[in-house]
Each structure stands twice: as C-alpha cells, then as structure tokens.
C-alpha cells in the first residue's frame, strides 16, 4: 500500500511499510531470519557498499523484517526515516552518535528515566561527552545551559516516572534558536498520544520494548528522523556535513538530503556500534503496533479512573498524573497529548519509604517489575530500583523520591486494579 497522508492512524498502524510477500503471498510480514543476503552480481554488491543503491547486505545493517518496522514507526511519527536498534538505551546513543564529539554536551531535562540520567551523567563521559541537567519548566534555565559546545537538547514527551508532560513546542523553539536539534523520547506517549515532530522536535527516540510492542516479550529501540534539520547550517555537525573518509569523501547531508541522519545511522552507526535489532524482535513489535491505538485508549481510560481514586484516598499523599485536573501539567494535554496523558504516573504514600516497600510486596494483580507499557499493570518503587544510583536530590528532581511508587496502568478491568491497590494500601499502612 501507499503510506499516503490520506490514511488514518488506525490504518497506518496495521499497514504502513508492509506489503504481501512477493514470493509466497504471505500477508503477515515474514521473519527474515537470515544473517546475509545474496547479491545479484559484483556490480550490485559494489553499489550497495558504496551507498549508491538501497538494499540488504548483512543483518547488522539492514534486514527486511526490521525495515518494515522502521518504515511503520517513521510513518506513525511523521518522520522521513527511522533506524531500529537493540534497546531504548541503544537508541539514545544512536541518536547522539552523529551529533556529539569529545568535549561536546547535551542539555537534558532533569525529569528523565533513572537509567537515562545514569547513562548521560556517567557512561557517556567515556566518549568525552557530558550532560547538563535542567528543569525544562524553566525555559530561561534551558537557554542559559546551552553553550558553544552543546550539540543537542533532550527531553521525554511524557516523563518517566512521574508522567509529567513537557512543553515540547516551547523547548523546540529554544533549541531552534540555538541551532541545535531537539531529541524527544516518545516512549511513554507513543505517536498515538503525542507527535513530537509536528511540535518541533528534530529526532524522536523510543524504547520499543514498552507501549509499541505492548506485550513484554522483546527489547528494542528506534530513532526517527524528521528530515527537517539543516545539518549544513553550521560547522557543528561534521559527521553529517563534512566529507566522510570511510565513503571516499561523500557528504551525507549533500548526498541524502533530508535522509542524511537516517543513512548515517545505518551506514556508520549500526555498522560500527552494532546495536542491531533482531528480526524476530521486530516481528513481535510489528504485531504489537497493530493494536497500538486500541491499547492506548484503554491505558488512558484506566489511568484516569485509577488516578482519580488514588487522589481521593486518605492513605495517599499526592498523585502526579497529568490527566487529573489538579495537575499543574493538565493544561498541556490539549496541545502536546490531545488524546490523553498516557498510562504512567506516580503516587506518594504517607508512610514513606517503608510503606512503599510493603506496598509493592503486597500487590497481587499488579506485577512488581522493572518495565512499563505492558498490557498488564505494573508497579515499581523507583528509589530502591530504577533510580537507586541517583542522589536523593536527583531522585526528587526526577520525580522518584523515596516515598513515591510508579505505576504503569494496563488494559485490565479498572475496578479490579483499584481493588488490588486498595488491599495493598491496607497492608502497607496497617
């Protein structure tokens, strides 16, 4: 099918990127479980390796099953191309890799997943990169943090764990004025709830492990390229705007235009970093995306009902869900996430850290796991797990204080979820 603008989201999530198999007529995308692909002849092989022709060489770089997933995610996000990789963390490195260099920095929101804060504050130092963490509600602070060595601005559309909604248009305007790309992690929102590219983001990253797959079976990541950033407007991005020695001096921005970032991420990023998504994982994610809109609608409906109940429970100190009228981020739903505030949020127990530990041990229907975005409802105490490596100040800034529990609301019967929370709260606060 043609992935034209006339098709709606529900149609594209089923059909985008996929055609019946030309050999067998198989309607579902096959799992091309092959390491390598046969060349037609020597000239064909040379053209592929010279990036003069698009095709399949070796599954570290390109694979037909993964290619369908890449086209589908890019279409749903409104991008020109996408690159899939082995995990959400891999996607973050893949997004930064063509932009950064020794001595360069990324300005990042202080409200991020704990693993991302650790990756940015510790691990990327090994590349000679650094990160500055800023409260993105303070646009003046974001502006002040950007300097001559800044190469990207990074945020989450709906922040994990608190469910805070970032004012993407405002942050994008700051990044544009500074001549650097905005990278938006859209994992918690998915393109059904939020379209960061339409709001001004240059790149979108995903942990496809979460809502896109939706069934807790495989890990994966994706980087979506808007195709709108002019990499040649300055000398800040030589990987894309200067001659590439590995390809006989070819310039990616000149040769591939709007697809420069996408082609660089495959031809250099996947080639050398090797953060490859396997074709079976891509297949599971494709099947998950087919029901994305249906699941996200139910996630949002359940989250509103559960969060409202928790907010009125005397054992709960506060709830952070942006879908509640009491949330300071509620007004951003209409402009950033018009179909709802997602299914992820936190709430604080009046009994503090110990009550939180007793609570996660007492749930029965909720699963105590280090994941989110599953069809099942999930819970975790971030301060003792996903955000454990952070300082108390960092935990509080990220929305993962010791008295806070994170929930990922699934698609079960909302009344059953409330009953489970009720009995667990009773045990935690007894």
Protein backbone atom coordinates (compact mmCIF):
# COMPACT_ATOMS: atom_id res chain seq x y z
CA UNK A 1 0.00 0.00 0.00
CA UNK A 2 0.97 3.62 -0.35
CA UNK A 3 1.60 5.27 3.03
CA UNK A 4 -0.07 8.46 1.82
CA UNK A 5 -1.39 11.24 4.02
CA UNK A 6 -4.97 10.19 3.33
CA UNK A 7 -4.80 7.18 5.63
CA UNK A 8 -5.72 7.46 9.31
CA UNK A 9 -3.60 6.33 12.25
CA UNK A 10 -5.57 3.10 12.79
CA UNK A 11 -4.98 2.09 9.17
CA UNK A 12 -1.29 3.01 9.14
CA UNK A 13 -0.54 1.10 12.36
CA UNK A 14 -1.66 -2.07 10.55
CA UNK A 15 -0.43 -1.47 7.01
CA UNK A 16 2.42 1.07 6.88
CA UNK A 17 5.61 -0.39 5.45
CA UNK A 18 4.11 -3.81 4.77
CA UNK A 19 3.18 -5.48 1.51
CA UNK A 20 2.28 -9.11 0.74
CA UNK A 21 5.43 -11.19 0.32
CA UNK A 22 6.17 -11.15 -3.43
CA UNK A 23 7.30 -14.78 -3.49
CA UNK A 24 4.78 -16.55 -1.25
CA UNK A 25 1.94 -14.05 -0.95
CA UNK A 26 2.22 -14.17 2.85
CA UNK A 27 0.09 -11.36 4.26
CA UNK A 28 1.86 -11.04 7.62
CA UNK A 29 5.42 -9.72 7.40
CA UNK A 30 7.73 -12.76 7.41
CA UNK A 31 10.61 -13.13 9.85
CA UNK A 32 13.64 -12.96 7.59
CA UNK A 33 15.91 -14.94 9.90
CA UNK A 34 18.96 -14.56 7.71
CA UNK A 35 22.37 -13.15 8.51
CA UNK A 36 23.25 -12.18 4.95
CA UNK A 37 21.63 -11.61 1.56
CA UNK A 38 22.82 -12.75 -1.86
CA UNK A 39 24.00 -10.11 -4.31
CA UNK A 40 22.82 -10.22 -7.93
CA UNK A 41 26.36 -9.77 -9.14
CA UNK A 42 29.62 -7.98 -8.29
CA UNK A 43 28.36 -4.61 -9.53
CA UNK A 44 25.28 -4.90 -7.33
CA UNK A 45 27.44 -5.67 -4.29
CA UNK A 46 29.72 -2.70 -5.01
CA UNK A 47 26.76 -0.34 -5.42
CA UNK A 48 25.31 -1.40 -2.07
CA UNK A 49 28.58 -0.94 -0.23
CA UNK A 50 29.11 2.45 -1.89
CA UNK A 51 25.62 3.56 -0.75
CA UNK A 52 24.70 4.07 -4.40
CA UNK A 53 21.80 1.63 -4.13
CA UNK A 54 19.46 0.73 -1.28
CA UNK A 55 19.18 -2.96 -0.41
CA UNK A 56 20.08 -5.70 2.01
CA UNK A 57 23.66 -6.71 2.75
CA UNK A 58 24.04 -8.05 6.27
CA UNK A 59 21.55 -8.05 9.12
CA UNK A 60 23.74 -5.94 11.38
CA UNK A 61 22.93 -3.14 8.94
CA UNK A 62 19.65 -3.92 7.23
CA UNK A 63 17.06 -6.69 7.36
CA UNK A 64 13.70 -6.91 5.52
CA UNK A 65 11.65 -7.54 8.69
CA UNK A 66 13.33 -4.71 10.57
CA UNK A 67 12.93 -2.46 7.52
CA UNK A 68 9.14 -2.84 7.66
CA UNK A 69 9.15 -1.86 11.33
CA UNK A 70 11.36 1.15 10.61
CA UNK A 71 9.00 2.40 7.90
CA UNK A 72 5.95 1.85 10.08
CA UNK A 73 7.34 3.75 13.07
CA UNK A 74 8.60 6.58 10.85
CA UNK A 75 5.18 6.86 9.22
CA UNK A 76 3.31 6.93 12.53
CA UNK A 77 5.69 9.57 13.90
CA UNK A 78 5.58 11.70 10.76
CA UNK A 79 9.30 11.29 10.06
CA UNK A 80 11.19 10.67 6.82
CA UNK A 81 13.02 7.62 8.14
CA UNK A 82 13.80 5.54 11.19
CA UNK A 83 16.51 3.22 12.43
CA UNK A 84 15.70 0.37 14.80
CA UNK A 85 18.20 -0.98 17.27
CA UNK A 86 18.56 -3.32 20.23
CA UNK A 87 17.04 -1.25 23.07
CA UNK A 88 15.85 2.18 24.12
CA UNK A 89 19.25 2.89 25.66
CA UNK A 90 20.88 1.93 22.37
CA UNK A 91 18.53 4.33 20.59
CA UNK A 92 19.70 7.19 22.80
CA UNK A 93 23.35 6.54 21.96
CA UNK A 94 22.44 6.10 18.29
CA UNK A 95 20.66 9.48 18.33
CA UNK A 96 23.63 11.27 19.91
CA UNK A 97 26.40 9.47 18.00
CA UNK A 98 26.33 11.54 14.76
CA UNK A 99 25.97 14.79 16.71
CA UNK A 100 28.47 14.59 19.53
CA UNK A 101 32.24 14.56 19.88
CA UNK A 102 34.85 14.86 22.63
CA UNK A 103 34.16 17.95 24.72
CA UNK A 104 30.59 18.33 23.48
CA UNK A 105 27.50 18.31 25.69
CA UNK A 106 23.78 17.62 25.64
CA UNK A 107 21.32 19.71 27.65
CA UNK A 108 18.85 17.27 29.19
CA UNK A 109 15.70 17.51 31.27
CA UNK A 110 16.12 16.64 34.94
CA UNK A 111 12.87 14.67 34.66
CA UNK A 112 14.08 11.55 32.90
CA UNK A 113 14.09 7.81 33.45
CA UNK A 114 16.75 6.97 36.04
CA UNK A 115 18.70 4.77 33.64
CA UNK A 116 18.89 7.64 31.17
CA UNK A 117 20.18 10.00 33.85
CA UNK A 118 22.86 7.46 34.71
CA UNK A 119 23.73 6.94 31.04
CA UNK A 120 24.01 10.68 30.45
CA UNK A 121 25.70 11.63 33.72
CA UNK A 122 28.16 8.74 33.90
CA UNK A 123 28.51 6.44 30.89
CA UNK A 124 28.75 8.99 28.08
CA UNK A 125 31.75 10.51 29.84
CA UNK A 126 33.72 7.56 28.42
CA UNK A 127 33.16 9.10 24.97
CA UNK A 128 34.28 12.50 26.20
CA UNK A 129 30.69 13.75 26.14
CA UNK A 130 28.83 15.40 29.01
CA UNK A 131 25.28 16.33 30.00
CA UNK A 132 23.75 19.32 31.76
CA UNK A 133 20.51 18.56 33.61
CA UNK A 134 17.97 21.36 33.76
CA UNK A 135 14.36 21.77 34.86
CA UNK A 136 12.67 22.12 31.47
CA UNK A 137 9.78 24.04 33.00
CA UNK A 138 12.33 26.87 33.34
CA UNK A 139 12.97 27.89 29.74
CA UNK A 140 15.44 30.57 30.78
CA UNK A 141 17.50 27.90 32.52
CA UNK A 142 17.43 25.78 29.35
CA UNK A 143 18.64 28.76 27.31
CA UNK A 144 21.39 29.50 29.83
CA UNK A 145 22.60 25.90 29.81
CA UNK A 146 23.14 25.84 26.04
CA UNK A 147 26.67 26.91 25.10
CA UNK A 148 29.01 26.68 22.11
CA UNK A 149 29.70 23.02 22.82
CA UNK A 150 26.04 21.97 23.08
CA UNK A 151 25.01 19.63 20.28
CA UNK A 152 21.52 18.55 21.32
CA UNK A 153 18.64 19.16 23.72
CA UNK A 154 16.94 16.06 25.15
CA UNK A 155 13.59 15.52 26.87
CA UNK A 156 10.80 12.99 27.32
CA UNK A 157 7.36 13.90 25.97
CA UNK A 158 5.69 12.22 28.97
CA UNK A 159 8.40 11.85 31.56
CA UNK A 160 9.11 8.58 33.32
CA UNK A 161 8.34 8.06 36.18
CA UNK A 162 6.07 10.98 37.08
CA UNK A 163 4.06 11.31 33.89
CA UNK A 164 4.99 15.00 33.58
CA UNK A 165 4.23 16.50 30.15
CA UNK A 166 7.00 18.54 28.53
CA UNK A 167 6.09 21.73 26.68
CA UNK A 168 7.72 20.47 23.50
CA UNK A 169 6.89 23.48 21.27
CA UNK A 170 8.47 25.88 23.77
CA UNK A 171 11.59 23.74 24.25
CA UNK A 172 11.87 23.21 20.49
CA UNK A 173 11.84 26.98 19.97
CA UNK A 174 14.77 27.33 22.37
CA UNK A 175 16.72 24.59 20.59
CA UNK A 176 15.98 26.08 17.16
CA UNK A 177 17.20 29.49 18.27
CA UNK A 178 20.46 27.91 19.39
CA UNK A 179 20.85 25.94 16.14
CA UNK A 180 20.78 22.52 17.77
CA UNK A 181 18.32 19.63 17.41
CA UNK A 182 15.71 18.69 19.98
CA UNK A 183 15.59 14.95 20.69
CA UNK A 184 12.29 13.83 22.23
CA UNK A 185 11.87 10.44 23.87
CA UNK A 186 8.30 9.48 22.99
CA UNK A 187 8.29 6.08 24.69
CA UNK A 188 5.64 6.84 27.33
CA UNK A 189 3.31 8.68 24.96
CA UNK A 190 3.74 6.80 21.65
CA UNK A 191 2.83 8.56 18.39
CA UNK A 192 -0.84 7.86 19.11
CA UNK A 193 -0.87 10.32 22.02
CA UNK A 194 1.93 12.70 21.01
CA UNK A 195 3.64 13.67 17.73
CA UNK A 196 6.86 15.44 18.75
CA UNK A 197 7.98 16.11 15.18
CA UNK A 198 4.81 18.09 14.49
CA UNK A 199 5.57 20.03 17.69
CA UNK A 200 9.10 20.93 16.59
CA UNK A 201 11.38 18.01 17.56
CA UNK A 202 14.18 17.06 15.17
CA UNK A 203 14.59 13.46 16.33
CA UNK A 204 12.33 11.08 18.23
CA UNK A 205 13.60 8.08 20.17
CA UNK A 206 11.69 5.11 21.51
CA UNK A 207 12.16 2.14 23.71
CA UNK A 208 10.00 -0.10 21.51
CA UNK A 209 10.14 -2.54 24.42
CA UNK A 210 7.34 -0.59 26.05
CA UNK A 211 3.99 0.53 24.58
CA UNK A 212 4.85 -0.02 20.91
CA UNK A 213 5.33 -3.75 21.48
CA UNK A 214 2.97 -3.77 24.43
CA UNK A 215 3.34 -7.40 25.44
CA UNK A 216 6.57 -7.57 27.42
CA UNK A 217 8.31 -10.03 25.08
CA UNK A 218 11.26 -8.28 23.42
CA UNK A 219 13.57 -5.32 23.87
CA UNK A 220 14.17 -2.79 21.12
CA UNK A 221 14.72 0.84 20.28
CA UNK A 222 14.12 3.27 17.43
CA UNK A 223 15.37 6.66 16.27
CA UNK A 224 13.05 8.62 13.98
CA UNK A 225 14.42 11.41 11.78
CA UNK A 226 12.17 14.38 11.00
CA UNK A 227 14.25 15.26 7.94
CA UNK A 228 13.75 18.95 8.74
CA UNK A 229 17.08 19.96 10.32
CA UNK A 230 19.69 21.67 8.15
CA UNK A 231 22.89 19.91 9.18
CA UNK A 232 24.92 22.22 6.94
CA UNK A 233 23.73 25.44 8.55
CA UNK A 234 26.81 25.45 10.79
CA UNK A 235 30.01 23.50 11.32
CA UNK A 236 28.63 21.85 14.49
CA UNK A 237 27.79 18.50 12.87
CA UNK A 238 30.76 17.40 10.73
CA UNK A 239 29.66 13.74 10.73
CA UNK A 240 26.74 14.81 8.55
CA UNK A 241 28.00 17.96 6.83
CA UNK A 242 31.68 17.18 6.16
CA UNK A 243 33.24 14.54 3.87
CA UNK A 244 33.13 11.00 5.31
CA UNK A 245 36.52 9.25 4.90
CA UNK A 246 35.00 5.76 5.06
CA UNK A 247 32.92 6.51 1.96
CA UNK A 248 35.54 8.20 -0.24
CA UNK A 249 34.74 11.71 0.97
CA UNK A 250 30.99 11.54 0.42
CA UNK A 251 28.98 14.08 2.44
CA UNK A 252 25.83 12.58 3.95
CA UNK A 253 23.88 15.86 4.07
CA UNK A 254 24.68 16.63 0.44
CA UNK A 255 24.08 13.12 -0.90
CA UNK A 256 20.99 12.11 1.07
CA UNK A 257 19.37 15.45 1.92
CA UNK A 258 16.51 15.01 4.41
CA UNK A 259 17.55 11.37 4.96
CA UNK A 260 21.14 12.22 5.91
CA UNK A 261 20.75 11.33 9.57
CA UNK A 262 18.94 8.06 8.82
CA UNK A 263 21.52 6.86 6.31
CA UNK A 264 24.40 7.86 8.57
CA UNK A 265 22.84 5.93 11.46
CA UNK A 266 22.73 2.78 9.35
CA UNK A 267 25.92 3.12 7.31
CA UNK A 268 28.10 4.29 10.21
CA UNK A 269 26.14 3.87 13.46
CA UNK A 270 24.91 0.31 13.03
CA UNK A 271 27.99 -0.64 11.07
CA UNK A 272 30.39 0.31 13.86
CA UNK A 273 28.31 0.25 17.07
CA UNK A 274 26.46 -2.92 16.13
CA UNK A 275 23.36 -2.19 18.23
CA UNK A 276 21.22 -4.33 15.96
CA UNK A 277 17.56 -5.26 16.40
CA UNK A 278 16.94 -8.91 15.63
CA UNK A 279 14.25 -9.75 13.04
CA UNK A 280 12.17 -11.84 15.45
CA UNK A 281 12.04 -8.91 17.87
CA UNK A 282 10.95 -6.65 15.02
CA UNK A 283 8.18 -9.13 14.17
CA UNK A 284 6.80 -9.10 17.73
CA UNK A 285 6.85 -5.30 17.73
CA UNK A 286 5.06 -5.11 14.39
CA UNK A 287 2.29 -7.31 15.77
CA UNK A 288 2.06 -5.13 18.87
CA UNK A 289 1.79 -1.89 16.88
CA UNK A 290 -1.24 -3.27 15.01
CA UNK A 291 -3.32 -2.70 18.17
CA UNK A 292 -1.49 0.39 19.48
CA UNK A 293 -4.38 2.86 19.29
CA UNK A 294 -6.81 0.41 20.90
CA UNK A 295 -4.45 -0.29 23.78
CA UNK A 296 -3.52 3.35 24.35
CA UNK A 297 -7.18 4.35 24.56
CA UNK A 298 -7.72 1.74 27.27
CA UNK A 299 -4.48 2.66 29.09
CA UNK A 300 -5.67 6.28 29.28
CA UNK A 301 -9.23 5.41 30.34
CA UNK A 302 -7.98 3.14 33.12
CA UNK A 303 -5.30 5.60 34.24
CA UNK A 304 -7.82 8.40 34.68
CA UNK A 305 -10.10 6.18 36.74
CA UNK A 306 -7.33 4.72 38.92
CA UNK A 307 -5.56 8.06 39.44
CA UNK A 308 -8.83 9.74 40.45
CA UNK A 309 -9.47 7.01 43.02
CA UNK A 310 -5.95 7.27 44.43
CA UNK A 311 -6.14 11.06 44.68
CA UNK A 312 -9.17 10.73 46.95
CA UNK A 313 -7.68 8.03 49.16
CA UNK A 314 -6.52 9.31 52.60
CA UNK A 315 -3.54 6.92 52.62
CA UNK A 316 -2.10 8.66 49.55
CA UNK A 317 -0.23 11.95 49.85
CA UNK A 318 -0.35 13.01 46.20
CA UNK A 319 -0.74 11.69 42.64
CA UNK A 320 1.29 13.05 39.69
CA UNK A 321 -0.97 12.02 36.79
CA UNK A 322 -1.30 14.87 34.29
CA UNK A 323 -4.76 13.61 33.36
CA UNK A 324 -6.12 14.89 36.67
CA UNK A 325 -7.50 18.46 36.68
CA UNK A 326 -5.41 19.12 39.81
CA UNK A 327 -2.13 18.50 37.95
CA UNK A 328 -0.06 21.57 37.01
CA UNK A 329 0.55 19.83 33.67
CA UNK A 330 -3.11 19.23 32.90
CA UNK A 331 -3.31 22.28 30.62
CA UNK A 332 -0.59 20.84 28.36
CA UNK A 333 -2.69 17.84 27.35
CA UNK A 334 -4.64 19.73 24.71
CA UNK A 335 -1.53 20.99 22.91
CA UNK A 336 1.00 18.18 23.50
CA UNK A 337 -1.01 15.00 24.10
CA UNK A 338 -4.54 15.70 22.83
CA UNK A 339 -5.67 12.07 23.10
CA UNK A 340 -4.70 11.70 26.74
CA UNK A 341 -1.89 11.78 29.28
CA UNK A 342 -0.86 8.14 28.95
CA UNK A 343 -0.90 5.33 31.46
CA UNK A 344 2.18 6.14 33.55
CA UNK A 345 2.29 8.10 36.80
CA UNK A 346 3.44 8.03 40.41
CA UNK A 347 1.78 8.44 43.78
CA UNK A 348 3.23 9.05 47.22
CA UNK A 349 2.36 7.00 50.30
CA UNK A 350 2.04 8.82 53.61
CA UNK A 351 4.02 6.05 55.27
CA UNK A 352 7.18 6.93 53.32
CA UNK A 353 9.87 4.57 52.08
CA UNK A 354 8.92 1.61 54.28
CA UNK A 355 5.25 1.84 53.31
CA UNK A 356 6.26 1.82 49.64
CA UNK A 357 8.31 -1.34 50.10
CA UNK A 358 5.43 -3.06 51.90
CA UNK A 359 3.05 -1.89 49.17
CA UNK A 360 4.98 -3.39 46.24
CA UNK A 361 5.29 -6.64 48.20
CA UNK A 362 1.53 -6.73 48.77
CA UNK A 363 0.13 -6.22 45.26
CA UNK A 364 -1.39 -9.28 43.61
CA UNK A 365 -2.79 -8.24 40.23
CA UNK A 366 -0.10 -5.63 39.60
CA UNK A 367 3.29 -7.11 38.70
CA UNK A 368 6.37 -5.80 40.50
CA UNK A 369 8.79 -5.49 37.57
CA UNK A 370 11.32 -3.06 36.07
CA UNK A 371 9.27 -2.31 32.97
CA UNK A 372 6.37 -0.18 31.77
CA UNK A 373 3.98 -0.05 28.85
CA UNK A 374 2.83 -3.65 29.11
CA UNK A 375 -0.79 -4.70 28.61
CA UNK A 376 -0.52 -5.83 32.25
CA UNK A 377 -0.48 -3.32 35.10
CA UNK A 378 2.98 -2.89 36.58
CA UNK A 379 4.39 -1.28 39.71
CA UNK A 380 7.85 -0.42 41.00
CA UNK A 381 9.43 1.60 43.80
CA UNK A 382 11.82 3.71 41.74
CA UNK A 383 14.01 4.98 44.59
CA UNK A 384 15.11 1.45 45.51
CA UNK A 385 15.39 0.15 41.93
CA UNK A 386 15.45 2.10 38.65
CA UNK A 387 16.62 5.35 40.29
CA UNK A 388 18.72 3.74 43.04
CA UNK A 389 22.02 5.01 41.60
CA UNK A 390 20.93 8.64 41.86
CA UNK A 391 21.49 11.01 44.74
CA UNK A 392 18.45 11.94 46.89
CA UNK A 393 18.39 15.32 45.17
CA UNK A 394 18.43 13.71 41.73
CA UNK A 395 15.70 11.27 42.77
CA UNK A 396 13.47 14.09 43.91
CA UNK A 397 14.14 16.14 40.75
CA UNK A 398 13.32 13.12 38.59
CA UNK A 399 10.05 12.52 40.44
CA UNK A 400 11.31 9.36 42.13
CA UNK A 401 11.53 10.41 45.79
CA UNK A 402 11.72 7.64 48.44
CA UNK A 403 8.00 7.94 49.30
CA UNK A 404 6.88 7.53 45.68
CA UNK A 405 5.65 4.45 43.79
CA UNK A 406 5.42 4.30 39.99
CA UNK A 407 2.54 2.53 38.28
CA UNK A 408 2.04 1.63 34.65
CA UNK A 409 -1.69 1.10 34.24
CA UNK A 410 -2.60 -1.77 31.94
CA UNK A 411 -5.71 -2.70 30.00
CA UNK A 412 -7.42 -4.89 32.62
CA UNK A 413 -10.75 -4.07 34.29
CA UNK A 414 -10.16 -0.80 36.15
CA UNK A 415 -12.29 -1.88 39.12
CA UNK A 416 -10.09 -4.94 39.59
CA UNK A 417 -6.99 -2.75 39.56
CA UNK A 418 -8.50 -0.45 42.18
CA UNK A 419 -9.41 -3.41 44.38
CA UNK A 420 -5.81 -4.65 44.24
CA UNK A 421 -4.43 -1.21 45.09
CA UNK A 422 -6.90 -0.96 47.98
CA UNK A 423 -5.85 -4.22 49.61
CA UNK A 424 -2.13 -3.45 49.08
CA UNK A 425 -2.51 0.01 50.61
CA UNK A 426 -4.28 -1.52 53.59
CA UNK A 427 -1.34 -3.86 54.20
CA UNK A 428 1.24 -1.15 53.58
CA UNK A 429 -0.26 1.31 56.03
CA UNK A 430 -1.51 -1.09 58.73
